[in-house]
């Protein structure tokens, strides 16, 4: 089994005490660097009731380089790209803001917080951000439709 001690320890810790609404497994038992996360849509958000799969890929240089997050479930959200990458724009995951003491559990807590409270001023999908700011009812309607359709 490949993987550094830090990753193995974090994985063991997160199994014992997962962030709320998250189930974390390895995508492949042989590879500690790719984690498969099933995240419940936060309550009181248009994502309530959805199950979102997020892949967390830890670079070989982890924890000195940030993990890469990728939504495998389509999600209608201003901070998640609407392409096959499903990348989420999070300040703490940017190379210049990432700090080695950060842990994946904190990252996942932040992901759920941003799902619940989009940050339209730091959006990767500007059209969705505009809709979120200017026509929140229709944003919520589409987000709920996508959640029902994709996040089963």
C-alpha atoms as a PDB file:
ATOM      1  CA  UNK A   1       0.000   0.000   0.000  1.00  0.00           C
ATOM      2  CA  UNK A   2       1.535   3.275  -1.101  1.00  0.00           C
ATOM      3  CA  UNK A   3       0.965   6.532   0.727  1.00  0.00           C
ATOM      4  CA  UNK A   4       2.744   8.640   3.242  1.00  0.00           C
ATOM      5  CA  UNK A   5       2.225   8.350   6.986  1.00  0.00           C
ATOM      6  CA  UNK A   6       0.434  11.699   7.176  1.00  0.00           C
ATOM      7  CA  UNK A   7      -2.167  10.598   4.615  1.00  0.00           C
ATOM      8  CA  UNK A   8      -2.636   7.237   6.351  1.00  0.00           C
ATOM      9  CA  UNK A   9      -3.083   8.941   9.734  1.00  0.00           C
ATOM     10  CA  UNK A  10      -5.552  11.509   8.338  1.00  0.00           C
ATOM     11  CA  UNK A  11      -7.534   8.741   6.666  1.00  0.00           C
ATOM     12  CA  UNK A  12      -7.672   6.732   9.916  1.00  0.00           C
ATOM     13  CA  UNK A  13      -8.711   9.853  11.879  1.00  0.00           C
ATOM     14  CA  UNK A  14     -11.421  10.811   9.387  1.00  0.00           C
ATOM     15  CA  UNK A  15     -12.842   7.272   9.540  1.00  0.00           C
ATOM     16  CA  UNK A  16     -13.139   7.561  13.325  1.00  0.00           C
ATOM     17  CA  UNK A  17     -14.573  11.087  13.282  1.00  0.00           C
ATOM     18  CA  UNK A  18     -15.859  12.068   9.818  1.00  0.00           C
ATOM     19  CA  UNK A  19     -17.023  15.621   9.164  1.00  0.00           C
ATOM     20  CA  UNK A  20     -20.830  15.942   9.483  1.00  0.00           C
ATOM     21  CA  UNK A  21     -22.694  14.632   6.444  1.00  0.00           C
ATOM     22  CA  UNK A  22     -19.649  12.915   4.911  1.00  0.00           C
ATOM     23  CA  UNK A  23     -18.758   9.298   4.224  1.00  0.00           C
ATOM     24  CA  UNK A  24     -15.146   8.837   3.115  1.00  0.00           C
ATOM     25  CA  UNK A  25     -13.697   5.768   1.395  1.00  0.00           C
ATOM     26  CA  UNK A  26     -10.726   5.035  -0.794  1.00  0.00           C
ATOM     27  CA  UNK A  27     -11.551   4.897  -4.483  1.00  0.00           C
ATOM     28  CA  UNK A  28      -9.068   2.029  -4.771  1.00  0.00           C
ATOM     29  CA  UNK A  29      -7.736   0.168  -1.712  1.00  0.00           C
ATOM     30  CA  UNK A  30      -4.226   0.238  -3.224  1.00  0.00           C
ATOM     31  CA  UNK A  31      -4.120   4.024  -3.546  1.00  0.00           C
ATOM     32  CA  UNK A  32      -4.235   6.221  -0.426  1.00  0.00           C
ATOM     33  CA  UNK A  33      -4.011   9.377  -2.574  1.00  0.00           C
ATOM     34  CA  UNK A  34      -7.533   9.273  -4.026  1.00  0.00           C
ATOM     35  CA  UNK A  35     -10.442   9.551  -1.600  1.00  0.00           C
ATOM     36  CA  UNK A  36     -14.070   9.147  -2.525  1.00  0.00           C
ATOM     37  CA  UNK A  37     -16.403  11.303  -0.439  1.00  0.00           C
ATOM     38  CA  UNK A  38     -20.185  11.091  -0.407  1.00  0.00           C
ATOM     39  CA  UNK A  39     -21.474  14.349   1.011  1.00  0.00           C
ATOM     40  CA  UNK A  40     -25.059  15.025   2.031  1.00  0.00           C
ATOM     41  CA  UNK A  41     -26.487  18.273   0.717  1.00  0.00           C
ATOM     42  CA  UNK A  42     -26.620  20.693   3.655  1.00  0.00           C
ATOM     43  CA  UNK A  43     -29.987  21.235   5.366  1.00  0.00           C
ATOM     44  CA  UNK A  44     -31.733  24.540   4.622  1.00  0.00           C
ATOM     45  CA  UNK A  45     -30.136  24.714   1.166  1.00  0.00           C
ATOM     46  CA  UNK A  46     -31.400  23.819  -2.316  1.00  0.00           C
ATOM     47  CA  UNK A  47     -29.097  20.764  -2.046  1.00  0.00           C
ATOM     48  CA  UNK A  48     -31.000  19.196   0.882  1.00  0.00           C
ATOM     49  CA  UNK A  49     -31.644  15.504   0.282  1.00  0.00           C
ATOM     50  CA  UNK A  50     -28.910  15.222  -2.344  1.00  0.00           C
ATOM     51  CA  UNK A  51     -25.889  12.930  -2.162  1.00  0.00           C
ATOM     52  CA  UNK A  52     -22.859  14.495  -3.817  1.00  0.00           C
ATOM     53  CA  UNK A  53     -19.777  12.501  -4.716  1.00  0.00           C
ATOM     54  CA  UNK A  54     -16.569  14.481  -4.353  1.00  0.00           C
ATOM     55  CA  UNK A  55     -13.206  13.045  -5.312  1.00  0.00           C
ATOM     56  CA  UNK A  56     -10.241  14.259  -3.264  1.00  0.00           C
ATOM     57  CA  UNK A  57      -6.870  13.697  -4.924  1.00  0.00           C
ATOM     58  CA  UNK A  58      -3.815  14.172  -2.752  1.00  0.00           C
ATOM     59  CA  UNK A  59      -0.657  15.108  -4.652  1.00  0.00           C
ATOM     60  CA  UNK A  60       2.592  13.212  -3.954  1.00  0.00           C
ATOM     61  CA  UNK A  61       3.846  16.400  -2.226  1.00  0.00           C
ATOM     62  CA  UNK A  62       0.900  16.492   0.206  1.00  0.00           C
ATOM     63  CA  UNK A  63       0.711  18.157   2.746  1.00  0.00           C
ATOM     64  CA  UNK A  64       3.035  20.708   1.142  1.00  0.00           C
ATOM     65  CA  UNK A  65       0.751  21.035  -1.874  1.00  0.00           C
ATOM     66  CA  UNK A  66      -3.049  21.272  -1.583  1.00  0.00           C
ATOM     67  CA  UNK A  67      -5.443  18.444  -2.454  1.00  0.00           C
ATOM     68  CA  UNK A  68      -7.504  18.701  -5.623  1.00  0.00           C
ATOM     69  CA  UNK A  69     -11.280  18.492  -5.204  1.00  0.00           C
ATOM     70  CA  UNK A  70     -13.596  17.423  -7.942  1.00  0.00           C
ATOM     71  CA  UNK A  71     -17.380  17.143  -7.780  1.00  0.00           C
ATOM     72  CA  UNK A  72     -18.298  13.903  -9.576  1.00  0.00           C
ATOM     73  CA  UNK A  73     -21.982  14.777  -9.152  1.00  0.00           C
ATOM     74  CA  UNK A  74     -23.256  17.659 -11.274  1.00  0.00           C
ATOM     75  CA  UNK A  75     -24.165  20.559  -9.034  1.00  0.00           C
ATOM     76  CA  UNK A  76     -25.725  23.916  -9.903  1.00  0.00           C
ATOM     77  CA  UNK A  77     -23.568  26.222  -7.797  1.00  0.00           C
ATOM     78  CA  UNK A  78     -21.632  29.447  -8.438  1.00  0.00           C
ATOM     79  CA  UNK A  79     -18.447  28.033  -6.863  1.00  0.00           C
ATOM     80  CA  UNK A  80     -18.296  24.698  -8.745  1.00  0.00           C
ATOM     81  CA  UNK A  81     -17.360  24.437 -12.424  1.00  0.00           C
ATOM     82  CA  UNK A  82     -20.098  23.124 -14.658  1.00  0.00           C
ATOM     83  CA  UNK A  83     -17.780  20.822 -16.605  1.00  0.00           C
ATOM     84  CA  UNK A  84     -16.541  17.257 -16.169  1.00  0.00           C
ATOM     85  CA  UNK A  85     -13.866  18.498 -13.730  1.00  0.00           C
ATOM     86  CA  UNK A  86     -16.412  19.815 -11.225  1.00  0.00           C
ATOM     87  CA  UNK A  87     -13.680  21.911  -9.630  1.00  0.00           C
ATOM     88  CA  UNK A  88     -14.595  23.974  -6.598  1.00  0.00           C
ATOM     89  CA  UNK A  89     -13.127  27.403  -6.062  1.00  0.00           C
ATOM     90  CA  UNK A  90     -11.940  27.531  -2.443  1.00  0.00           C
ATOM     91  CA  UNK A  91      -9.358  29.986  -1.167  1.00  0.00           C
ATOM     92  CA  UNK A  92      -7.665  27.474   1.129  1.00  0.00           C
ATOM     93  CA  UNK A  93      -7.054  25.105  -1.818  1.00  0.00           C
ATOM     94  CA  UNK A  94      -5.085  27.679  -3.800  1.00  0.00           C
ATOM     95  CA  UNK A  95      -1.360  26.894  -3.790  1.00  0.00           C
ATOM     96  CA  UNK A  96      -0.448  30.260  -2.264  1.00  0.00           C
ATOM     97  CA  UNK A  97      -3.038  29.958   0.541  1.00  0.00           C
ATOM     98  CA  UNK A  98      -2.663  26.270   1.410  1.00  0.00           C
ATOM     99  CA  UNK A  99      -0.843  25.534   4.683  1.00  0.00           C
ATOM    100  CA  UNK A 100       0.634  22.097   5.494  1.00  0.00           C
ATOM    101  CA  UNK A 101      -1.162  21.916   8.894  1.00  0.00           C
ATOM    102  CA  UNK A 102      -4.528  22.016   7.072  1.00  0.00           C
ATOM    103  CA  UNK A 103      -6.366  18.698   7.112  1.00  0.00           C
ATOM    104  CA  UNK A 104      -8.786  17.099   4.674  1.00  0.00           C
ATOM    105  CA  UNK A 105     -11.528  17.034   7.338  1.00  0.00           C
ATOM    106  CA  UNK A 106     -11.330  20.865   7.520  1.00  0.00           C
ATOM    107  CA  UNK A 107     -11.473  21.079   3.725  1.00  0.00           C
ATOM    108  CA  UNK A 108     -14.618  18.916   3.631  1.00  0.00           C
ATOM    109  CA  UNK A 109     -16.277  21.002   6.365  1.00  0.00           C
ATOM    110  CA  UNK A 110     -15.539  24.113   4.298  1.00  0.00           C
ATOM    111  CA  UNK A 111     -16.904  22.491   1.120  1.00  0.00           C
ATOM    112  CA  UNK A 112     -20.212  21.787   2.877  1.00  0.00           C
ATOM    113  CA  UNK A 113     -20.296  25.317   4.286  1.00  0.00           C
ATOM    114  CA  UNK A 114     -19.798  26.803   0.800  1.00  0.00           C
ATOM    115  CA  UNK A 115     -22.478  24.467  -0.614  1.00  0.00           C
ATOM    116  CA  UNK A 116     -24.868  25.857   2.011  1.00  0.00           C
ATOM    117  CA  UNK A 117     -23.722  29.474   1.584  1.00  0.00           C
ATOM    118  CA  UNK A 118     -22.428  30.175  -1.947  1.00  0.00           C
ATOM    119  CA  UNK A 119     -19.794  32.872  -2.383  1.00  0.00           C
ATOM    120  CA  UNK A 120     -20.917  34.610  -5.586  1.00  0.00           C
ATOM    121  CA  UNK A 121     -18.065  37.123  -5.459  1.00  0.00           C
ATOM    122  CA  UNK A 122     -15.532  34.273  -5.736  1.00  0.00           C
ATOM    123  CA  UNK A 123     -17.461  32.376  -8.415  1.00  0.00           C
ATOM    124  CA  UNK A 124     -16.160  30.132 -11.194  1.00  0.00           C
ATOM    125  CA  UNK A 125     -19.600  30.129 -12.865  1.00  0.00           C
ATOM    126  CA  UNK A 126     -20.386  33.823 -13.304  1.00  0.00           C
ATOM    127  CA  UNK A 127     -23.834  33.230 -14.847  1.00  0.00           C
ATOM    128  CA  UNK A 128     -24.941  31.184 -11.828  1.00  0.00           C
ATOM    129  CA  UNK A 129     -23.416  33.794  -9.492  1.00  0.00           C
ATOM    130  CA  UNK A 130     -25.387  36.577 -11.221  1.00  0.00           C
ATOM    131  CA  UNK A 131     -28.577  34.528 -10.938  1.00  0.00           C
ATOM    132  CA  UNK A 132     -27.832  33.794  -7.258  1.00  0.00           C
ATOM    133  CA  UNK A 133     -27.449  37.533  -6.556  1.00  0.00           C
ATOM    134  CA  UNK A 134     -30.185  38.933  -8.795  1.00  0.00           C
ATOM    135  CA  UNK A 135     -32.856  36.225  -9.002  1.00  0.00           C
ATOM    136  CA  UNK A 136     -32.348  33.947  -6.039  1.00  0.00           C
ATOM    137  CA  UNK A 137     -35.730  32.222  -6.443  1.00  0.00           C
ATOM    138  CA  UNK A 138     -34.880  30.935  -9.924  1.00  0.00           C
ATOM    139  CA  UNK A 139     -31.345  29.976  -8.787  1.00  0.00           C
ATOM    140  CA  UNK A 140     -32.859  27.899  -5.969  1.00  0.00           C
ATOM    141  CA  UNK A 141     -35.373  26.321  -8.351  1.00  0.00           C
ATOM    142  CA  UNK A 142     -32.672  25.177 -10.798  1.00  0.00           C
ATOM    143  CA  UNK A 143     -30.355  24.066  -7.970  1.00  0.00           C
ATOM    144  CA  UNK A 144     -33.197  21.948  -6.517  1.00  0.00           C
ATOM    145  CA  UNK A 145     -33.986  20.480  -9.962  1.00  0.00           C
ATOM    146  CA  UNK A 146     -30.336  19.518 -10.529  1.00  0.00           C
ATOM    147  CA  UNK A 147     -30.122  18.059  -7.014  1.00  0.00           C
ATOM    148  CA  UNK A 148     -33.197  15.900  -7.678  1.00  0.00           C
ATOM    149  CA  UNK A 149     -31.885  14.850 -11.081  1.00  0.00           C
ATOM    150  CA  UNK A 150     -28.166  14.198 -10.398  1.00  0.00           C
ATOM    151  CA  UNK A 151     -27.590  13.877  -6.633  1.00  0.00           C
ATOM    152  CA  UNK A 152     -29.286  10.567  -5.870  1.00  0.00           C
END
